[in-house]
Amino acid sequence: MAVTRLKRKDRRNKTFAKLDVKFLKLATNIELGSRSKQSTKDQLAKNNAVIAQLTAKA
């Protein structure tokens, strides 16, 4: 079976669909009462801990 080359529009859609999936996987839901609990190893959590330490010292 011959492989057909995608037209530019379809190639663009394919890459954008991939990026959308990647973005949605990376997006974390950190609302209170959310089913998906934020990880403690998350970079956001580490940043918040550092900020809390700095504000406590000040």
PDB file of N, CA and C in Angstrom:
ATOM      1  N   MET A   1       0.835  -1.195   0.000  1.00  0.00           N
ATOM      2  CA  MET A   1       0.000   0.000   0.000  1.00  0.00           C
ATOM      3  C   MET A   1       0.876   1.253   0.000  1.00  0.00           C
ATOM      4  N   ALA A   2       0.572   2.171  -0.856  1.00  0.00           N
ATOM      5  CA  ALA A   2       1.365   3.400  -0.946  1.00  0.00           C
ATOM      6  C   ALA A   2       0.987   4.346   0.190  1.00  0.00           C
ATOM      7  N   VAL A   3       1.984   5.003   0.727  1.00  0.00           N
ATOM      8  CA  VAL A   3       1.750   5.972   1.804  1.00  0.00           C
ATOM      9  C   VAL A   3       1.513   7.327   1.161  1.00  0.00           C
ATOM     10  N   THR A   4       0.377   7.935   1.466  1.00  0.00           N
ATOM     11  CA  THR A   4       0.080   9.244   0.875  1.00  0.00           C
ATOM     12  C   THR A   4       0.623  10.333   1.783  1.00  0.00           C
ATOM     13  N   ARG A   5       1.129  11.371   1.155  1.00  0.00           N
ATOM     14  CA  ARG A   5       1.685  12.488   1.911  1.00  0.00           C
ATOM     15  C   ARG A   5       0.555  13.430   2.311  1.00  0.00           C
ATOM     16  N   LEU A   6       0.581  13.870   3.543  1.00  0.00           N
ATOM     17  CA  LEU A   6      -0.473  14.772   4.019  1.00  0.00           C
ATOM     18  C   LEU A   6      -0.283  16.162   3.432  1.00  0.00           C
ATOM     19  N   LYS A   7      -1.372  16.817   3.163  1.00  0.00           N
ATOM     20  CA  LYS A   7      -1.297  18.205   2.723  1.00  0.00           C
ATOM     21  C   LYS A   7      -0.917  19.076   3.919  1.00  0.00           C
ATOM     22  N   ARG A   8      -0.446  20.265   3.630  1.00  0.00           N
ATOM     23  CA  ARG A   8       0.070  21.136   4.696  1.00  0.00           C
ATOM     24  C   ARG A   8      -0.947  21.352   5.811  1.00  0.00           C
ATOM     25  N   LYS A   9      -2.214  21.592   5.421  1.00  0.00           N
ATOM     26  CA  LYS A   9      -3.275  21.848   6.416  1.00  0.00           C
ATOM     27  C   LYS A   9      -3.413  20.655   7.368  1.00  0.00           C
ATOM     28  N   ASP A  10      -3.406  19.437   6.792  1.00  0.00           N
ATOM     29  CA  ASP A  10      -3.573  18.241   7.621  1.00  0.00           C
ATOM     30  C   ASP A  10      -2.365  17.983   8.506  1.00  0.00           C
ATOM     31  N   ARG A  11      -1.180  18.274   7.968  1.00  0.00           N
ATOM     32  CA  ARG A  11       0.032  18.117   8.792  1.00  0.00           C
ATOM     33  C   ARG A  11      -0.027  19.055   9.987  1.00  0.00           C
ATOM     34  N   ARG A  12      -0.485  20.290   9.721  1.00  0.00           N
ATOM     35  CA  ARG A  12      -0.598  21.291  10.789  1.00  0.00           C
ATOM     36  C   ARG A  12      -1.600  20.817  11.844  1.00  0.00           C
ATOM     37  N   ASN A  13      -2.751  20.318  11.383  1.00  0.00           N
ATOM     38  CA  ASN A  13      -3.771  19.834  12.322  1.00  0.00           C
ATOM     39  C   ASN A  13      -3.243  18.693  13.167  1.00  0.00           C
ATOM     40  N   LYS A  14      -2.455  17.815  12.527  1.00  0.00           N
ATOM     41  CA  LYS A  14      -1.905  16.663  13.244  1.00  0.00           C
ATOM     42  C   LYS A  14      -0.980  17.130  14.371  1.00  0.00           C
ATOM     43  N   THR A  15      -0.102  18.089  14.053  1.00  0.00           N
ATOM     44  CA  THR A  15       0.839  18.550  15.080  1.00  0.00           C
ATOM     45  C   THR A  15       0.109  19.313  16.181  1.00  0.00           C
ATOM     46  N   PHE A  16      -0.891  20.105  15.797  1.00  0.00           N
ATOM     47  CA  PHE A  16      -1.617  20.854  16.821  1.00  0.00           C
ATOM     48  C   PHE A  16      -2.415  19.923  17.726  1.00  0.00           C
ATOM     49  N   ALA A  17      -2.961  18.847  17.151  1.00  0.00           N
ATOM     50  CA  ALA A  17      -3.700  17.875  17.960  1.00  0.00           C
ATOM     51  C   ALA A  17      -2.755  17.234  18.972  1.00  0.00           C
ATOM     52  N   LYS A  18      -1.528  16.921  18.524  1.00  0.00           N
ATOM     53  CA  LYS A  18      -0.533  16.336  19.434  1.00  0.00           C
ATOM     54  C   LYS A  18      -0.212  17.303  20.567  1.00  0.00           C
ATOM     55  N   LEU A  19      -0.021  18.573  20.206  1.00  0.00           N
ATOM     56  CA  LEU A  19       0.307  19.579  21.221  1.00  0.00           C
ATOM     57  C   LEU A  19      -0.842  19.760  22.203  1.00  0.00           C
ATOM     58  N   ASP A  20      -2.078  19.708  21.705  1.00  0.00           N
ATOM     59  CA  ASP A  20      -3.247  19.830  22.578  1.00  0.00           C
ATOM     60  C   ASP A  20      -3.272  18.716  23.609  1.00  0.00           C
ATOM     61  N   VAL A  21      -3.033  17.493  23.154  1.00  0.00           N
ATOM     62  CA  VAL A  21      -3.038  16.341  24.058  1.00  0.00           C
ATOM     63  C   VAL A  21      -1.943  16.509  25.103  1.00  0.00           C
ATOM     64  N   LYS A  22      -0.758  16.928  24.649  1.00  0.00           N
ATOM     65  CA  LYS A  22       0.376  17.130  25.561  1.00  0.00           C
ATOM     66  C   LYS A  22       0.022  18.177  26.618  1.00  0.00           C
ATOM     67  N   PHE A  23      -0.586  19.293  26.171  1.00  0.00           N
ATOM     68  CA  PHE A  23      -0.961  20.366  27.086  1.00  0.00           C
ATOM     69  C   PHE A  23      -1.968  19.878  28.118  1.00  0.00           C
ATOM     70  N   LEU A  24      -2.955  19.118  27.657  1.00  0.00           N
ATOM     71  CA  LEU A  24      -3.984  18.635  28.575  1.00  0.00           C
ATOM     72  C   LEU A  24      -3.418  17.638  29.576  1.00  0.00           C
ATOM     73  N   LYS A  25      -2.424  16.842  29.149  1.00  0.00           N
ATOM     74  CA  LYS A  25      -1.802  15.905  30.080  1.00  0.00           C
ATOM     75  C   LYS A  25      -1.016  16.657  31.144  1.00  0.00           C
ATOM     76  N   LEU A  26      -0.340  17.747  30.720  1.00  0.00           N
ATOM     77  CA  LEU A  26       0.493  18.499  31.659  1.00  0.00           C
ATOM     78  C   LEU A  26      -0.343  19.369  32.595  1.00  0.00           C
ATOM     79  N   ALA A  27      -1.507  19.805  32.126  1.00  0.00           N
ATOM     80  CA  ALA A  27      -2.344  20.694  32.928  1.00  0.00           C
ATOM     81  C   ALA A  27      -2.837  19.941  34.155  1.00  0.00           C
ATOM     82  N   THR A  28      -2.586  20.497  35.318  1.00  0.00           N
ATOM     83  CA  THR A  28      -3.042  19.836  36.539  1.00  0.00           C
ATOM     84  C   THR A  28      -4.186  20.643  37.135  1.00  0.00           C
ATOM     85  N   ASN A  29      -5.161  19.926  37.622  1.00  0.00           N
ATOM     86  CA  ASN A  29      -6.323  20.569  38.209  1.00  0.00           C
ATOM     87  C   ASN A  29      -6.064  20.695  39.709  1.00  0.00           C
ATOM     88  N   ILE A  30      -5.849  21.928  40.183  1.00  0.00           N
ATOM     89  CA  ILE A  30      -5.489  22.088  41.597  1.00  0.00           C
ATOM     90  C   ILE A  30      -6.555  22.880  42.351  1.00  0.00           C
ATOM     91  N   GLU A  31      -7.816  22.723  41.918  1.00  0.00           N
ATOM     92  CA  GLU A  31      -8.896  23.366  42.662  1.00  0.00           C
ATOM     93  C   GLU A  31      -9.151  22.572  43.941  1.00  0.00           C
ATOM     94  N   LEU A  32      -9.675  23.249  44.941  1.00  0.00           N
ATOM     95  CA  LEU A  32     -10.002  22.561  46.178  1.00  0.00           C
ATOM     96  C   LEU A  32     -11.148  21.604  45.920  1.00  0.00           C
ATOM     97  N   GLY A  33     -11.084  20.439  46.506  1.00  0.00           N
ATOM     98  CA  GLY A  33     -12.136  19.458  46.323  1.00  0.00           C
ATOM     99  C   GLY A  33     -12.027  18.730  44.998  1.00  0.00           C
ATOM    100  N   SER A  34     -10.904  18.922  44.334  1.00  0.00           N
ATOM    101  CA  SER A  34     -10.724  18.264  43.035  1.00  0.00           C
ATOM    102  C   SER A  34     -10.374  16.800  43.251  1.00  0.00           C
ATOM    103  N   ARG A  35     -10.776  15.950  42.324  1.00  0.00           N
ATOM    104  CA  ARG A  35     -10.463  14.528  42.435  1.00  0.00           C
ATOM    105  C   ARG A  35      -8.970  14.279  42.264  1.00  0.00           C
ATOM    106  N   SER A  36      -8.357  15.036  41.346  1.00  0.00           N
ATOM    107  CA  SER A  36      -6.934  14.820  41.098  1.00  0.00           C
ATOM    108  C   SER A  36      -6.139  15.691  42.061  1.00  0.00           C
ATOM    109  N   LYS A  37      -5.534  15.057  43.039  1.00  0.00           N
ATOM    110  CA  LYS A  37      -4.782  15.777  44.060  1.00  0.00           C
ATOM    111  C   LYS A  37      -3.423  16.184  43.491  1.00  0.00           C
ATOM    112  N   GLN A  38      -2.989  17.401  43.835  1.00  0.00           N
ATOM    113  CA  GLN A  38      -1.702  17.862  43.326  1.00  0.00           C
ATOM    114  C   GLN A  38      -0.577  17.083  43.998  1.00  0.00           C
ATOM    115  N   SER A  39       0.393  16.690  43.195  1.00  0.00           N
ATOM    116  CA  SER A  39       1.526  15.924  43.694  1.00  0.00           C
ATOM    117  C   SER A  39       2.422  16.812  44.551  1.00  0.00           C
ATOM    118  N   THR A  40       3.028  16.246  45.592  1.00  0.00           N
ATOM    119  CA  THR A  40       3.952  17.017  46.433  1.00  0.00           C
ATOM    120  C   THR A  40       5.308  17.165  45.753  1.00  0.00           C
ATOM    121  N   LYS A  41       5.581  16.288  44.769  1.00  0.00           N
ATOM    122  CA  LYS A  41       6.844  16.368  44.040  1.00  0.00           C
ATOM    123  C   LYS A  41       6.740  17.320  42.854  1.00  0.00           C
ATOM    124  N   ASP A  42       5.575  17.885  42.670  1.00  0.00           N
ATOM    125  CA  ASP A  42       5.317  18.806  41.571  1.00  0.00           C
ATOM    126  C   ASP A  42       6.180  20.055  41.728  1.00  0.00           C
ATOM    127  N   GLN A  43       6.657  20.604  40.608  1.00  0.00           N
ATOM    128  CA  GLN A  43       7.487  21.808  40.661  1.00  0.00           C
ATOM    129  C   GLN A  43       6.715  22.969  41.271  1.00  0.00           C
ATOM    130  N   LEU A  44       5.414  23.038  41.001  1.00  0.00           N
ATOM    131  CA  LEU A  44       4.585  24.107  41.545  1.00  0.00           C
ATOM    132  C   LEU A  44       4.559  24.038  43.072  1.00  0.00           C
ATOM    133  N   ALA A  45       4.454  22.826  43.600  1.00  0.00           N
ATOM    134  CA  ALA A  45       4.422  22.643  45.052  1.00  0.00           C
ATOM    135  C   ALA A  45       5.764  23.044  45.663  1.00  0.00           C
ATOM    136  N   LYS A  46       6.860  22.684  44.984  1.00  0.00           N
ATOM    137  CA  LYS A  46       8.195  23.051  45.478  1.00  0.00           C
ATOM    138  C   LYS A  46       8.356  24.563  45.496  1.00  0.00           C
ATOM    139  N   ASN A  47       7.902  25.212  44.425  1.00  0.00           N
ATOM    140  CA  ASN A  47       7.993  26.674  44.357  1.00  0.00           C
ATOM    141  C   ASN A  47       7.186  27.316  45.476  1.00  0.00           C
ATOM    142  N   ASN A  48       5.981  26.802  45.714  1.00  0.00           N
ATOM    143  CA  ASN A  48       5.133  27.352  46.776  1.00  0.00           C
ATOM    144  C   ASN A  48       5.780  27.182  48.146  1.00  0.00           C
ATOM    145  N   ALA A  49       6.467  26.057  48.361  1.00  0.00           N
ATOM    146  CA  ALA A  49       7.138  25.813  49.636  1.00  0.00           C
ATOM    147  C   ALA A  49       8.263  26.819  49.843  1.00  0.00           C
ATOM    148  N   VAL A  50       9.027  27.076  48.795  1.00  0.00           N
ATOM    149  CA  VAL A  50      10.136  28.040  48.883  1.00  0.00           C
ATOM    150  C   VAL A  50       9.595  29.434  49.155  1.00  0.00           C
ATOM    151  N   ILE A  51       8.522  29.807  48.464  1.00  0.00           N
ATOM    152  CA  ILE A  51       7.919  31.130  48.669  1.00  0.00           C
ATOM    153  C   ILE A  51       7.405  31.258  50.095  1.00  0.00           C
ATOM    154  N   ALA A  52       6.802  30.194  50.613  1.00  0.00           N
ATOM    155  CA  ALA A  52       6.287  30.212  51.992  1.00  0.00           C
ATOM    156  C   ALA A  52       7.422  30.405  52.988  1.00  0.00           C
ATOM    157  N   GLN A  53       8.561  29.730  52.751  1.00  0.00           N
ATOM    158  CA  GLN A  53       9.720  29.881  53.640  1.00  0.00           C
ATOM    159  C   GLN A  53      10.233  31.318  53.622  1.00  0.00           C
ATOM    160  N   LEU A  54      10.345  31.879  52.430  1.00  0.00           N
ATOM    161  CA  LEU A  54      10.870  33.242  52.300  1.00  0.00           C
ATOM    162  C   LEU A  54       9.952  34.266  52.950  1.00  0.00           C
ATOM    163  N   THR A  55       8.641  34.082  52.804  1.00  0.00           N
ATOM    164  CA  THR A  55       7.716  35.043  53.414  1.00  0.00           C
ATOM    165  C   THR A  55       7.695  34.877  54.933  1.00  0.00           C
ATOM    166  N   ALA A  56       7.944  33.666  55.429  1.00  0.00           N
ATOM    167  CA  ALA A  56       7.980  33.441  56.869  1.00  0.00           C
ATOM    168  C   ALA A  56       9.197  34.145  57.483  1.00  0.00           C
ATOM    169  N   LYS A  57      10.311  34.139  56.778  1.00  0.00           N
ATOM    170  CA  LYS A  57      11.533  34.796  57.274  1.00  0.00           C
ATOM    171  C   LYS A  57      11.391  36.307  57.271  1.00  0.00           C
ATOM    172  N   ALA A  58      10.710  36.841  56.267  1.00  0.00           N
ATOM    173  CA  ALA A  58      10.601  38.302  56.105  1.00  0.00           C
ATOM    174  C   ALA A  58       9.663  38.929  57.120  1.00  0.00           C
TER     175      ALA A  58
END
